[in-house]
Structures are given as structure tokens and as C-alpha cells.
Amino acid sequence: MLVFERKATLRQARRDSVRAGSSSRASGRAQANFLREFPPRRGAAVALYNAVRGEVGTDAIRSAYLEAGAVLYYPRIGSKGKLVFLRHRDGDPWEEGPYGIPEPPRAPGRRPRTTGFDLIVVPGVAFDRAGRRLGHGFGYYDRFLGGLPEGVPRVGLAYASQLVPEVPVDAWDVPVHALVTEEGVIRVRQGTGSPKK
């Protein structure tokens, strides 16, 4: 079976499993684990996401990071299928994106951040213990992550049910350095970019 066929099969199986088994309680525990392992720092530039159904929420992380003075950036689908990250402050409006996901609005003079992130929080459909990640199949995050220096810490946020023995990958797929679930934290890459405690 080809990689894209294996990905499609795993993607469908994980979506069905996670939608059936995800809960607000598990999401809250995963976010609490994340905050213990990656506490917010004033001035840190952090890329976060708005969760879709089946993904761990990020509301508690957002609140804690904003309260501590971190600077949050959220994805917006830009031209040519690129993911761009725009700053989003407490009280700023949202726009509905092409997939129904809230995105920061683009405004005159508002430029996306392309470098200098201190932490990237990455959603996914499935992950494995080697840090390999399966997204929704559009390649937005892999294109974005592939353009960043290797040293930028990438942390996956997922339900334990999204952890699988092996995620099939292509050459362009970008792994995460750590994975946080409601059951704890898995440090998957110890080289350059591994987030420090």
C-alpha cells in the first residue's frame, strides 16, 4: 500500500475513534499537562491553534499565556495554500476561515509573523512516539513548519487515543519534538529544538 493510501486509511480510522472518545474533561487534562510542562513566559512568541472537532482544545492555554504576557499567533490560510500566523490579543475579533475554523482577521498594516517563534503548538489527527504527525491532509502545517529553522520547538497536542504505533510519512512531513496528551508528556526528539523544561 502506498504512503498516501496508508495515510488516508489511518486518517479516517483516527477521526472516527477520536470523535467517539474525546471529551472536555480529557481536553482539560491535556491542557493542564501542557501548562505544567511548558509554562507561559512573558514576551514569548507562541503559535497556537483553534481546535476543530476531535482536537484538544486550547482555551485554557490561551488564557494562561495571555495572562502571563505571552504573545499569541494564530493560523490563517493565506494565498497559494500557505498558512500564515497573525497576532491575536484578548478581545480581538475572529473571522470564519474556509474550513469553518476561526481565524484572525487580516487588516491593513497587519503583517504575519514568519520567524522568531519561541514555541509552535501543533494539532493533528494522529501521532506516534517518534514524533511523526498525521494532519488533516491539506499539508498546511507541514509547509509552514518546513520553512522554519529546526531549532524552533514544535509540540503536538492530542488525545491519548490519537497515539498510534506508526504514522506513515513522506519526505516533506515535519515531526514534533514533544507530544502532550491527557495522560502526560512524551519527549520524542532530544536533538536541536527539543523544548526545555
N, C-alpha and C. Protein backbone atom coordinates (compact mmCIF):
# COMPACT_ATOMS: atom_id res chain seq x y z
N MET A 1 0.85 -1.18 0.00
CA MET A 1 0.00 0.00 0.00
C MET A 1 0.90 1.25 0.00
N LEU A 2 0.55 2.23 -0.84
CA LEU A 2 1.32 3.45 -0.94
C LEU A 2 1.13 4.32 0.30
N VAL A 3 2.09 5.25 0.51
CA VAL A 3 2.04 6.10 1.70
C VAL A 3 0.73 6.89 1.76
N PHE A 4 0.31 7.47 0.63
CA PHE A 4 -0.91 8.29 0.68
C PHE A 4 -2.14 7.45 1.00
N GLU A 5 -2.14 6.18 0.57
CA GLU A 5 -3.25 5.29 0.90
C GLU A 5 -3.23 4.93 2.38
N ARG A 6 -2.04 4.66 2.91
CA ARG A 6 -1.91 4.36 4.34
C ARG A 6 -2.33 5.56 5.18
N LYS A 7 -1.95 6.76 4.75
CA LYS A 7 -2.35 7.97 5.46
C LYS A 7 -3.87 8.13 5.45
N ALA A 8 -4.49 7.94 4.30
CA ALA A 8 -5.94 8.11 4.19
C ALA A 8 -6.67 7.12 5.09
N THR A 9 -6.20 5.88 5.12
CA THR A 9 -6.83 4.85 5.96
C THR A 9 -6.68 5.19 7.44
N LEU A 10 -5.47 5.58 7.84
CA LEU A 10 -5.23 5.94 9.24
C LEU A 10 -6.01 7.19 9.62
N ARG A 11 -6.05 8.16 8.72
CA ARG A 11 -6.76 9.42 8.99
C ARG A 11 -8.23 9.14 9.29
N GLN A 12 -8.87 8.30 8.47
CA GLN A 12 -10.28 8.00 8.68
C GLN A 12 -10.50 7.23 9.98
N ALA A 13 -9.65 6.25 10.25
CA ALA A 13 -9.79 5.46 11.47
C ALA A 13 -9.62 6.32 12.72
N ARG A 14 -8.64 7.21 12.72
CA ARG A 14 -8.39 8.06 13.89
C ARG A 14 -9.49 9.09 14.07
N ARG A 15 -9.99 9.66 12.99
CA ARG A 15 -11.08 10.63 13.12
C ARG A 15 -12.30 9.99 13.75
N ASP A 16 -12.65 8.81 13.30
CA ASP A 16 -13.81 8.11 13.86
C ASP A 16 -13.59 7.80 15.34
N SER A 17 -12.38 7.32 15.68
CA SER A 17 -12.07 6.93 17.05
C SER A 17 -12.06 8.13 17.99
N VAL A 18 -11.41 9.21 17.57
CA VAL A 18 -11.28 10.38 18.44
C VAL A 18 -12.62 11.07 18.64
N ARG A 19 -13.41 11.19 17.59
CA ARG A 19 -14.72 11.83 17.74
C ARG A 19 -15.60 11.07 18.72
N ALA A 20 -15.44 9.76 18.73
CA ALA A 20 -16.23 8.96 19.66
C ALA A 20 -15.70 9.06 21.08
N GLY A 21 -14.37 9.25 21.24
CA GLY A 21 -13.79 9.16 22.57
C GLY A 21 -13.30 10.45 23.18
N SER A 22 -13.32 11.57 22.44
CA SER A 22 -12.83 12.82 23.01
C SER A 22 -13.84 13.39 23.99
N SER A 23 -13.34 14.15 24.95
CA SER A 23 -14.24 14.76 25.93
C SER A 23 -13.63 16.05 26.44
N SER A 24 -14.47 16.91 26.98
CA SER A 24 -13.95 18.18 27.51
C SER A 24 -13.06 17.91 28.72
N ARG A 25 -13.34 16.85 29.46
CA ARG A 25 -12.50 16.51 30.62
C ARG A 25 -11.09 16.11 30.18
N ALA A 26 -11.01 15.26 29.16
CA ALA A 26 -9.70 14.84 28.64
C ALA A 26 -8.97 16.03 28.04
N SER A 27 -9.68 16.90 27.36
CA SER A 27 -9.08 18.10 26.79
C SER A 27 -8.51 18.99 27.90
N GLY A 28 -9.25 19.15 28.98
CA GLY A 28 -8.78 19.95 30.11
C GLY A 28 -7.53 19.37 30.74
N ARG A 29 -7.48 18.04 30.88
CA ARG A 29 -6.30 17.39 31.46
C ARG A 29 -5.08 17.56 30.54
N ALA A 30 -5.30 17.44 29.24
CA ALA A 30 -4.19 17.61 28.29
C ALA A 30 -3.65 19.03 28.37
N GLN A 31 -4.53 20.01 28.45
CA GLN A 31 -4.09 21.40 28.54
C GLN A 31 -3.36 21.66 29.87
N ALA A 32 -3.84 21.06 30.95
CA ALA A 32 -3.17 21.21 32.24
C ALA A 32 -1.76 20.60 32.18
N ASN A 33 -1.63 19.44 31.55
CA ASN A 33 -0.31 18.82 31.38
C ASN A 33 0.61 19.72 30.55
N PHE A 34 0.04 20.30 29.51
CA PHE A 34 0.82 21.20 28.66
C PHE A 34 1.34 22.39 29.47
N LEU A 35 0.46 23.00 30.26
CA LEU A 35 0.84 24.19 31.04
C LEU A 35 1.88 23.87 32.11
N ARG A 36 1.83 22.66 32.67
CA ARG A 36 2.84 22.26 33.65
C ARG A 36 4.20 22.07 32.96
N GLU A 37 4.17 21.48 31.79
CA GLU A 37 5.42 21.17 31.09
C GLU A 37 5.99 22.37 30.34
N PHE A 38 5.12 23.22 29.83
CA PHE A 38 5.53 24.39 29.05
C PHE A 38 4.86 25.64 29.61
N PRO A 39 5.28 26.06 30.80
CA PRO A 39 4.63 27.22 31.43
C PRO A 39 4.84 28.48 30.58
N PRO A 40 3.87 29.39 30.63
CA PRO A 40 3.99 30.61 29.83
C PRO A 40 5.08 31.53 30.35
N ARG A 41 5.68 32.26 29.41
CA ARG A 41 6.70 33.25 29.75
C ARG A 41 6.32 34.59 29.13
N ARG A 42 6.51 35.65 29.88
CA ARG A 42 6.22 36.99 29.37
C ARG A 42 7.05 37.26 28.12
N GLY A 43 6.38 37.74 27.08
CA GLY A 43 7.05 38.12 25.84
C GLY A 43 7.31 36.97 24.88
N ALA A 44 7.07 35.72 25.28
CA ALA A 44 7.31 34.59 24.39
C ALA A 44 6.35 34.66 23.20
N ALA A 45 6.87 34.42 22.01
CA ALA A 45 6.05 34.39 20.78
C ALA A 45 5.63 32.95 20.52
N VAL A 46 4.33 32.69 20.64
CA VAL A 46 3.82 31.32 20.58
C VAL A 46 2.76 31.18 19.50
N ALA A 47 2.91 30.19 18.64
CA ALA A 47 1.90 29.87 17.64
C ALA A 47 0.95 28.85 18.24
N LEU A 48 -0.33 29.21 18.30
CA LEU A 48 -1.36 28.35 18.87
C LEU A 48 -2.39 28.06 17.79
N TYR A 49 -3.40 27.27 18.06
CA TYR A 49 -4.44 26.97 17.08
C TYR A 49 -5.80 26.98 17.74
N ASN A 50 -6.84 27.17 16.94
CA ASN A 50 -8.22 27.00 17.38
C ASN A 50 -8.63 25.58 17.00
N ALA A 51 -9.10 24.82 17.98
CA ALA A 51 -9.41 23.41 17.75
C ALA A 51 -10.68 23.21 16.92
N VAL A 52 -10.63 22.18 16.08
CA VAL A 52 -11.83 21.70 15.40
C VAL A 52 -12.29 20.45 16.14
N ARG A 53 -13.45 19.97 15.78
CA ARG A 53 -13.99 18.77 16.44
C ARG A 53 -12.98 17.62 16.36
N GLY A 54 -12.75 16.99 17.49
CA GLY A 54 -11.81 15.88 17.54
C GLY A 54 -10.40 16.29 17.95
N GLU A 55 -10.14 17.59 18.09
CA GLU A 55 -8.82 18.05 18.53
C GLU A 55 -8.90 18.56 19.96
N VAL A 56 -7.78 18.47 20.67
CA VAL A 56 -7.72 19.01 22.03
C VAL A 56 -7.90 20.53 21.95
N GLY A 57 -8.74 21.06 22.81
CA GLY A 57 -8.97 22.50 22.85
C GLY A 57 -7.73 23.25 23.34
N THR A 58 -7.75 24.56 23.17
CA THR A 58 -6.61 25.38 23.59
C THR A 58 -7.03 26.58 24.43
N ASP A 59 -8.29 26.66 24.85
CA ASP A 59 -8.78 27.84 25.58
C ASP A 59 -8.03 28.08 26.89
N ALA A 60 -7.76 27.02 27.66
CA ALA A 60 -7.05 27.19 28.93
C ALA A 60 -5.62 27.64 28.71
N ILE A 61 -5.00 27.11 27.66
CA ILE A 61 -3.63 27.52 27.32
C ILE A 61 -3.62 28.99 26.92
N ARG A 62 -4.57 29.36 26.08
CA ARG A 62 -4.67 30.77 25.65
C ARG A 62 -4.79 31.70 26.85
N SER A 63 -5.72 31.40 27.75
CA SER A 63 -5.94 32.26 28.91
C SER A 63 -4.68 32.40 29.75
N ALA A 64 -4.03 31.28 30.04
CA ALA A 64 -2.84 31.31 30.89
C ALA A 64 -1.69 32.06 30.22
N TYR A 65 -1.51 31.85 28.94
CA TYR A 65 -0.42 32.51 28.22
C TYR A 65 -0.66 34.01 28.10
N LEU A 66 -1.89 34.41 27.79
CA LEU A 66 -2.18 35.84 27.70
C LEU A 66 -2.02 36.52 29.06
N GLU A 67 -2.49 35.86 30.10
CA GLU A 67 -2.38 36.42 31.45
C GLU A 67 -0.92 36.62 31.85
N ALA A 68 -0.05 35.72 31.39
CA ALA A 68 1.37 35.81 31.73
C ALA A 68 2.13 36.80 30.84
N GLY A 69 1.46 37.32 29.80
CA GLY A 69 2.11 38.28 28.92
C GLY A 69 2.79 37.69 27.71
N ALA A 70 2.47 36.44 27.38
CA ALA A 70 2.98 35.85 26.14
C ALA A 70 2.26 36.49 24.95
N VAL A 71 2.85 36.39 23.79
CA VAL A 71 2.28 36.96 22.56
C VAL A 71 1.83 35.79 21.69
N LEU A 72 0.52 35.72 21.42
CA LEU A 72 -0.05 34.58 20.70
C LEU A 72 -0.31 34.90 19.24
N TYR A 73 -0.03 33.91 18.40
CA TYR A 73 -0.27 33.99 16.96
C TYR A 73 -1.11 32.80 16.54
N TYR A 74 -2.08 33.06 15.68
CA TYR A 74 -2.99 32.01 15.22
C TYR A 74 -2.93 31.89 13.70
N PRO A 75 -3.19 30.68 13.19
CA PRO A 75 -3.08 30.48 11.74
C PRO A 75 -4.26 31.05 10.96
N ARG A 76 -3.92 31.49 9.77
CA ARG A 76 -4.90 31.93 8.79
C ARG A 76 -4.44 31.37 7.45
N ILE A 77 -5.36 30.85 6.67
CA ILE A 77 -4.99 30.32 5.37
C ILE A 77 -4.81 31.49 4.42
N GLY A 78 -3.58 31.63 3.93
CA GLY A 78 -3.24 32.74 3.04
C GLY A 78 -3.29 32.31 1.59
N SER A 79 -2.65 33.10 0.76
CA SER A 79 -2.64 32.81 -0.68
C SER A 79 -1.77 31.59 -0.97
N LYS A 80 -2.08 30.94 -2.06
CA LYS A 80 -1.32 29.77 -2.53
C LYS A 80 -1.26 28.65 -1.51
N GLY A 81 -2.29 28.51 -0.68
CA GLY A 81 -2.35 27.41 0.27
C GLY A 81 -1.33 27.49 1.39
N LYS A 82 -0.84 28.69 1.68
CA LYS A 82 0.13 28.85 2.76
C LYS A 82 -0.58 29.22 4.04
N LEU A 83 -0.04 28.72 5.14
CA LEU A 83 -0.53 29.07 6.47
C LEU A 83 0.28 30.25 6.96
N VAL A 84 -0.41 31.32 7.35
CA VAL A 84 0.28 32.48 7.92
C VAL A 84 -0.23 32.66 9.34
N PHE A 85 0.62 33.21 10.21
CA PHE A 85 0.25 33.39 11.61
C PHE A 85 0.17 34.87 11.93
N LEU A 86 -0.98 35.27 12.48
CA LEU A 86 -1.23 36.66 12.85
C LEU A 86 -1.43 36.76 14.36
N ARG A 87 -0.96 37.86 14.92
CA ARG A 87 -1.12 38.07 16.36
C ARG A 87 -2.60 38.21 16.70
N HIS A 88 -2.98 37.64 17.85
CA HIS A 88 -4.36 37.75 18.32
C HIS A 88 -4.34 38.05 19.81
N ARG A 89 -4.91 39.20 20.16
CA ARG A 89 -4.94 39.64 21.55
C ARG A 89 -6.30 39.33 22.17
N ASP A 90 -6.35 39.44 23.47
CA ASP A 90 -7.62 39.27 24.18
C ASP A 90 -8.60 40.33 23.70
N GLY A 91 -9.78 39.90 23.29
CA GLY A 91 -10.80 40.82 22.82
C GLY A 91 -10.78 41.08 21.32
N ASP A 92 -9.75 40.63 20.62
CA ASP A 92 -9.71 40.80 19.16
C ASP A 92 -10.80 39.95 18.51
N PRO A 93 -11.34 40.39 17.37
CA PRO A 93 -12.36 39.61 16.68
C PRO A 93 -11.76 38.41 15.95
N TRP A 94 -12.63 37.51 15.54
CA TRP A 94 -12.26 36.37 14.71
C TRP A 94 -13.07 36.44 13.42
N GLU A 95 -12.56 35.81 12.38
CA GLU A 95 -13.30 35.60 11.13
C GLU A 95 -13.39 34.11 10.89
N GLU A 96 -14.46 33.67 10.26
CA GLU A 96 -14.57 32.25 9.93
C GLU A 96 -13.75 31.96 8.69
N GLY A 97 -12.85 30.99 8.79
CA GLY A 97 -12.00 30.62 7.66
C GLY A 97 -12.70 29.67 6.72
N PRO A 98 -12.03 29.25 5.65
CA PRO A 98 -12.65 28.40 4.64
C PRO A 98 -13.11 27.03 5.15
N TYR A 99 -12.57 26.56 6.27
CA TYR A 99 -12.99 25.28 6.82
C TYR A 99 -13.84 25.44 8.08
N GLY A 100 -14.34 26.67 8.29
CA GLY A 100 -15.18 26.94 9.46
C GLY A 100 -14.39 27.15 10.74
N ILE A 101 -13.08 27.30 10.64
CA ILE A 101 -12.22 27.50 11.81
C ILE A 101 -12.03 29.00 12.02
N PRO A 102 -12.20 29.50 13.25
CA PRO A 102 -11.96 30.92 13.50
C PRO A 102 -10.51 31.31 13.21
N GLU A 103 -10.34 32.39 12.45
CA GLU A 103 -9.02 32.89 12.09
C GLU A 103 -8.91 34.36 12.48
N PRO A 104 -7.69 34.84 12.76
CA PRO A 104 -7.53 36.27 12.98
C PRO A 104 -7.83 37.02 11.68
N PRO A 105 -8.52 38.14 11.75
CA PRO A 105 -8.79 38.88 10.51
C PRO A 105 -7.53 39.54 9.98
N ARG A 106 -7.46 39.62 8.67
CA ARG A 106 -6.36 40.37 8.05
C ARG A 106 -6.79 41.83 7.99
N ALA A 107 -5.91 42.72 8.37
CA ALA A 107 -6.22 44.14 8.38
C ALA A 107 -5.05 44.90 7.77
N PRO A 108 -5.32 46.09 7.23
CA PRO A 108 -4.23 46.88 6.64
C PRO A 108 -3.11 47.11 7.66
N GLY A 109 -1.90 46.89 7.22
CA GLY A 109 -0.75 47.11 8.10
C GLY A 109 -0.45 45.97 9.04
N ARG A 110 -1.28 44.95 9.06
CA ARG A 110 -1.09 43.81 9.95
C ARG A 110 -0.33 42.73 9.19
N ARG A 111 0.90 42.51 9.59
CA ARG A 111 1.74 41.57 8.86
C ARG A 111 1.86 40.25 9.61
N PRO A 112 1.88 39.15 8.87
CA PRO A 112 2.05 37.86 9.54
C PRO A 112 3.46 37.71 10.10
N ARG A 113 3.56 36.93 11.17
CA ARG A 113 4.88 36.62 11.73
C ARG A 113 5.40 35.38 11.00
N THR A 114 6.63 35.46 10.53
CA THR A 114 7.21 34.34 9.79
C THR A 114 8.42 33.74 10.49
N THR A 115 9.01 34.47 11.44
CA THR A 115 10.19 33.96 12.13
C THR A 115 10.12 34.36 13.61
N GLY A 116 11.06 33.84 14.38
CA GLY A 116 11.19 34.26 15.76
C GLY A 116 10.21 33.65 16.74
N PHE A 117 9.61 32.53 16.39
CA PHE A 117 8.70 31.85 17.33
C PHE A 117 9.51 31.17 18.42
N ASP A 118 8.98 31.23 19.65
CA ASP A 118 9.60 30.51 20.76
C ASP A 118 9.00 29.13 20.95
N LEU A 119 7.80 28.92 20.43
CA LEU A 119 7.11 27.63 20.58
C LEU A 119 5.99 27.55 19.54
N ILE A 120 5.85 26.37 18.91
CA ILE A 120 4.76 26.12 17.97
C ILE A 120 3.94 24.98 18.54
N VAL A 121 2.65 25.20 18.76
CA VAL A 121 1.75 24.15 19.24
C VAL A 121 0.99 23.62 18.02
N VAL A 122 1.10 22.31 17.81
CA VAL A 122 0.64 21.71 16.56
C VAL A 122 -0.49 20.71 16.81
N PRO A 123 -1.62 20.87 16.11
CA PRO A 123 -2.68 19.86 16.19
C PRO A 123 -2.38 18.72 15.22
N GLY A 124 -3.18 17.68 15.28
CA GLY A 124 -3.02 16.58 14.34
C GLY A 124 -4.12 15.56 14.51
N VAL A 125 -4.19 14.65 13.55
CA VAL A 125 -5.16 13.57 13.60
C VAL A 125 -4.57 12.37 14.33
N ALA A 126 -3.25 12.13 14.12
CA ALA A 126 -2.55 11.02 14.79
C ALA A 126 -1.08 11.37 14.95
N PHE A 127 -0.47 10.79 15.98
CA PHE A 127 0.95 10.97 16.26
C PHE A 127 1.53 9.61 16.65
N ASP A 128 2.86 9.47 16.54
CA ASP A 128 3.49 8.28 17.11
C ASP A 128 4.62 8.72 18.03
N ARG A 129 5.26 7.76 18.69
CA ARG A 129 6.27 8.08 19.70
C ARG A 129 7.58 8.61 19.11
N ALA A 130 7.72 8.55 17.79
CA ALA A 130 8.89 9.11 17.12
C ALA A 130 8.63 10.56 16.72
N GLY A 131 7.45 11.09 17.05
CA GLY A 131 7.14 12.48 16.74
C GLY A 131 6.50 12.68 15.38
N ARG A 132 6.30 11.58 14.65
CA ARG A 132 5.66 11.72 13.35
C ARG A 132 4.19 12.09 13.54
N ARG A 133 3.70 12.94 12.64
CA ARG A 133 2.37 13.52 12.78
C ARG A 133 1.57 13.34 11.50
N LEU A 134 0.30 13.01 11.67
CA LEU A 134 -0.63 12.95 10.54
C LEU A 134 -1.62 14.08 10.70
N GLY A 135 -1.66 14.97 9.72
CA GLY A 135 -2.60 16.09 9.74
C GLY A 135 -3.89 15.73 9.02
N HIS A 136 -4.62 16.76 8.66
CA HIS A 136 -5.91 16.55 8.00
C HIS A 136 -5.78 16.30 6.51
N GLY A 137 -4.57 16.37 5.98
CA GLY A 137 -4.35 16.00 4.58
C GLY A 137 -4.18 17.16 3.62
N PHE A 138 -4.16 18.39 4.13
CA PHE A 138 -4.00 19.54 3.25
C PHE A 138 -2.56 20.03 3.17
N GLY A 139 -1.73 19.63 4.11
CA GLY A 139 -0.31 20.00 4.08
C GLY A 139 0.02 21.39 4.60
N TYR A 140 -0.96 22.10 5.15
CA TYR A 140 -0.71 23.47 5.60
C TYR A 140 0.39 23.54 6.65
N TYR A 141 0.27 22.72 7.70
CA TYR A 141 1.26 22.79 8.78
C TYR A 141 2.64 22.32 8.32
N ASP A 142 2.69 21.27 7.51
CA ASP A 142 4.00 20.79 7.06
C ASP A 142 4.71 21.85 6.22
N ARG A 143 3.98 22.55 5.36
CA ARG A 143 4.61 23.62 4.57
C ARG A 143 5.12 24.73 5.49
N PHE A 144 4.31 25.09 6.49
CA PHE A 144 4.73 26.14 7.42
C PHE A 144 5.94 25.69 8.24
N LEU A 145 5.85 24.51 8.85
CA LEU A 145 6.94 24.02 9.70
C LEU A 145 8.21 23.78 8.91
N GLY A 146 8.07 23.35 7.66
CA GLY A 146 9.24 23.09 6.82
C GLY A 146 10.03 24.34 6.50
N GLY A 147 9.41 25.51 6.63
CA GLY A 147 10.10 26.76 6.36
C GLY A 147 10.75 27.38 7.59
N LEU A 148 10.62 26.73 8.74
CA LEU A 148 11.19 27.25 9.98
C LEU A 148 12.52 26.57 10.29
N PRO A 149 13.39 27.23 11.05
CA PRO A 149 14.62 26.57 11.48
C PRO A 149 14.30 25.34 12.33
N GLU A 150 15.14 24.34 12.26
CA GLU A 150 14.94 23.10 13.02
C GLU A 150 14.86 23.36 14.52
N GLY A 151 15.53 24.40 14.99
CA GLY A 151 15.60 24.67 16.42
C GLY A 151 14.34 25.22 17.05
N VAL A 152 13.32 25.54 16.25
CA VAL A 152 12.07 26.07 16.83
C VAL A 152 11.30 24.90 17.45
N PRO A 153 11.04 24.92 18.77
CA PRO A 153 10.35 23.81 19.41
C PRO A 153 8.93 23.61 18.88
N ARG A 154 8.62 22.38 18.51
CA ARG A 154 7.30 22.01 18.00
C ARG A 154 6.69 20.99 18.95
N VAL A 155 5.51 21.31 19.48
CA VAL A 155 4.86 20.43 20.45
C VAL A 155 3.48 20.05 19.93
N GLY A 156 3.23 18.75 19.81
CA GLY A 156 1.92 18.27 19.41
C GLY A 156 1.01 18.21 20.63
N LEU A 157 -0.27 18.49 20.41
CA LEU A 157 -1.27 18.43 21.47
C LEU A 157 -2.37 17.51 20.97
N ALA A 158 -2.63 16.42 21.71
CA ALA A 158 -3.56 15.41 21.20
C ALA A 158 -4.15 14.59 22.34
N TYR A 159 -5.19 13.84 22.01
CA TYR A 159 -5.75 12.87 22.94
C TYR A 159 -4.88 11.60 22.90
N ALA A 160 -4.82 10.88 24.00
CA ALA A 160 -4.05 9.64 24.04
C ALA A 160 -4.54 8.65 22.98
N SER A 161 -5.81 8.71 22.64
CA SER A 161 -6.35 7.80 21.61
C SER A 161 -5.81 8.12 20.22
N GLN A 162 -5.17 9.27 20.07
CA GLN A 162 -4.57 9.63 18.78
C GLN A 162 -3.14 9.11 18.63
N LEU A 163 -2.61 8.51 19.69
CA LEU A 163 -1.27 7.93 19.63
C LEU A 163 -1.35 6.56 18.98
N VAL A 164 -0.59 6.36 17.92
CA VAL A 164 -0.61 5.10 17.17
C VAL A 164 0.80 4.53 17.10
N PRO A 165 0.94 3.24 16.78
CA PRO A 165 2.28 2.64 16.72
C PRO A 165 3.20 3.31 15.69
N GLU A 166 2.65 3.65 14.52
CA GLU A 166 3.48 4.27 13.49
C GLU A 166 2.62 5.11 12.55
N VAL A 167 3.08 6.34 12.30
CA VAL A 167 2.43 7.21 11.33
C VAL A 167 3.23 7.13 10.03
N PRO A 168 2.58 6.79 8.91
CA PRO A 168 3.31 6.79 7.64
C PRO A 168 3.66 8.23 7.24
N VAL A 169 4.84 8.42 6.69
CA VAL A 169 5.28 9.77 6.36
C VAL A 169 5.86 9.85 4.96
N ASP A 170 5.82 11.06 4.43
CA ASP A 170 6.50 11.40 3.19
C ASP A 170 7.71 12.25 3.56
N ALA A 171 8.57 12.52 2.57
CA ALA A 171 9.80 13.27 2.82
C ALA A 171 9.53 14.67 3.36
N TRP A 172 8.39 15.26 3.02
CA TRP A 172 8.10 16.64 3.43
C TRP A 172 7.42 16.74 4.79
N ASP A 173 7.04 15.64 5.40
CA ASP A 173 6.38 15.67 6.71
C ASP A 173 7.37 16.09 7.80
N VAL A 174 6.92 16.98 8.67
CA VAL A 174 7.78 17.53 9.73
C VAL A 174 7.33 16.99 11.09
N PRO A 175 8.22 16.31 11.83
CA PRO A 175 7.84 15.77 13.14
C PRO A 175 7.82 16.83 14.23
N VAL A 176 7.21 16.46 15.35
CA VAL A 176 7.21 17.33 16.54
C VAL A 176 8.32 16.86 17.47
N HIS A 177 8.71 17.73 18.40
CA HIS A 177 9.74 17.40 19.38
C HIS A 177 9.16 16.76 20.64
N ALA A 178 7.89 17.05 20.90
CA ALA A 178 7.22 16.51 22.09
C ALA A 178 5.74 16.38 21.79
N LEU A 179 5.08 15.51 22.53
CA LEU A 179 3.64 15.31 22.39
C LEU A 179 3.01 15.34 23.77
N VAL A 180 1.95 16.11 23.92
CA VAL A 180 1.24 16.22 25.20
C VAL A 180 -0.17 15.68 25.02
N THR A 181 -0.56 14.76 25.93
CA THR A 181 -1.92 14.22 25.94
C THR A 181 -2.48 14.34 27.36
N GLU A 182 -3.70 13.87 27.54
CA GLU A 182 -4.28 13.88 28.88
C GLU A 182 -3.57 12.91 29.82
N GLU A 183 -2.77 12.00 29.28
CA GLU A 183 -2.05 11.03 30.10
C GLU A 183 -0.63 11.47 30.45
N GLY A 184 -0.14 12.54 29.82
CA GLY A 184 1.20 13.01 30.15
C GLY A 184 1.93 13.57 28.95
N VAL A 185 3.26 13.63 29.07
CA VAL A 185 4.11 14.24 28.05
C VAL A 185 5.08 13.20 27.53
N ILE A 186 5.24 13.16 26.22
CA ILE A 186 6.20 12.27 25.59
C ILE A 186 7.24 13.13 24.90
N ARG A 187 8.49 13.02 25.35
CA ARG A 187 9.59 13.72 24.68
C ARG A 187 10.05 12.81 23.55
N VAL A 188 9.83 13.23 22.33
CA VAL A 188 10.09 12.33 21.22
C VAL A 188 11.36 12.63 20.47
N ARG A 189 11.89 13.83 20.60
CA ARG A 189 13.13 14.18 19.91
C ARG A 189 14.02 14.92 20.89
N GLN A 190 15.21 14.44 21.04
CA GLN A 190 16.12 15.04 22.03
C GLN A 190 17.20 15.91 21.39
N GLY A 191 17.15 16.09 20.07
CA GLY A 191 18.17 16.88 19.40
C GLY A 191 17.85 18.36 19.43
N THR A 192 18.36 19.07 18.44
CA THR A 192 18.14 20.50 18.30
C THR A 192 16.66 20.80 18.30
N GLY A 193 16.26 21.78 19.06
CA GLY A 193 14.86 22.18 19.07
C GLY A 193 14.02 21.54 20.15
N SER A 194 14.57 20.54 20.83
CA SER A 194 13.79 19.93 21.90
C SER A 194 13.44 20.97 22.94
N PRO A 195 12.16 21.11 23.26
CA PRO A 195 11.77 22.12 24.25
C PRO A 195 12.41 21.83 25.60
N LYS A 196 12.86 22.87 26.24
CA LYS A 196 13.45 22.74 27.57
C LYS A 196 12.35 22.85 28.61
N LYS A 197 12.49 22.12 29.70
CA LYS A 197 11.51 22.20 30.79
C LYS A 197 11.60 23.52 31.47
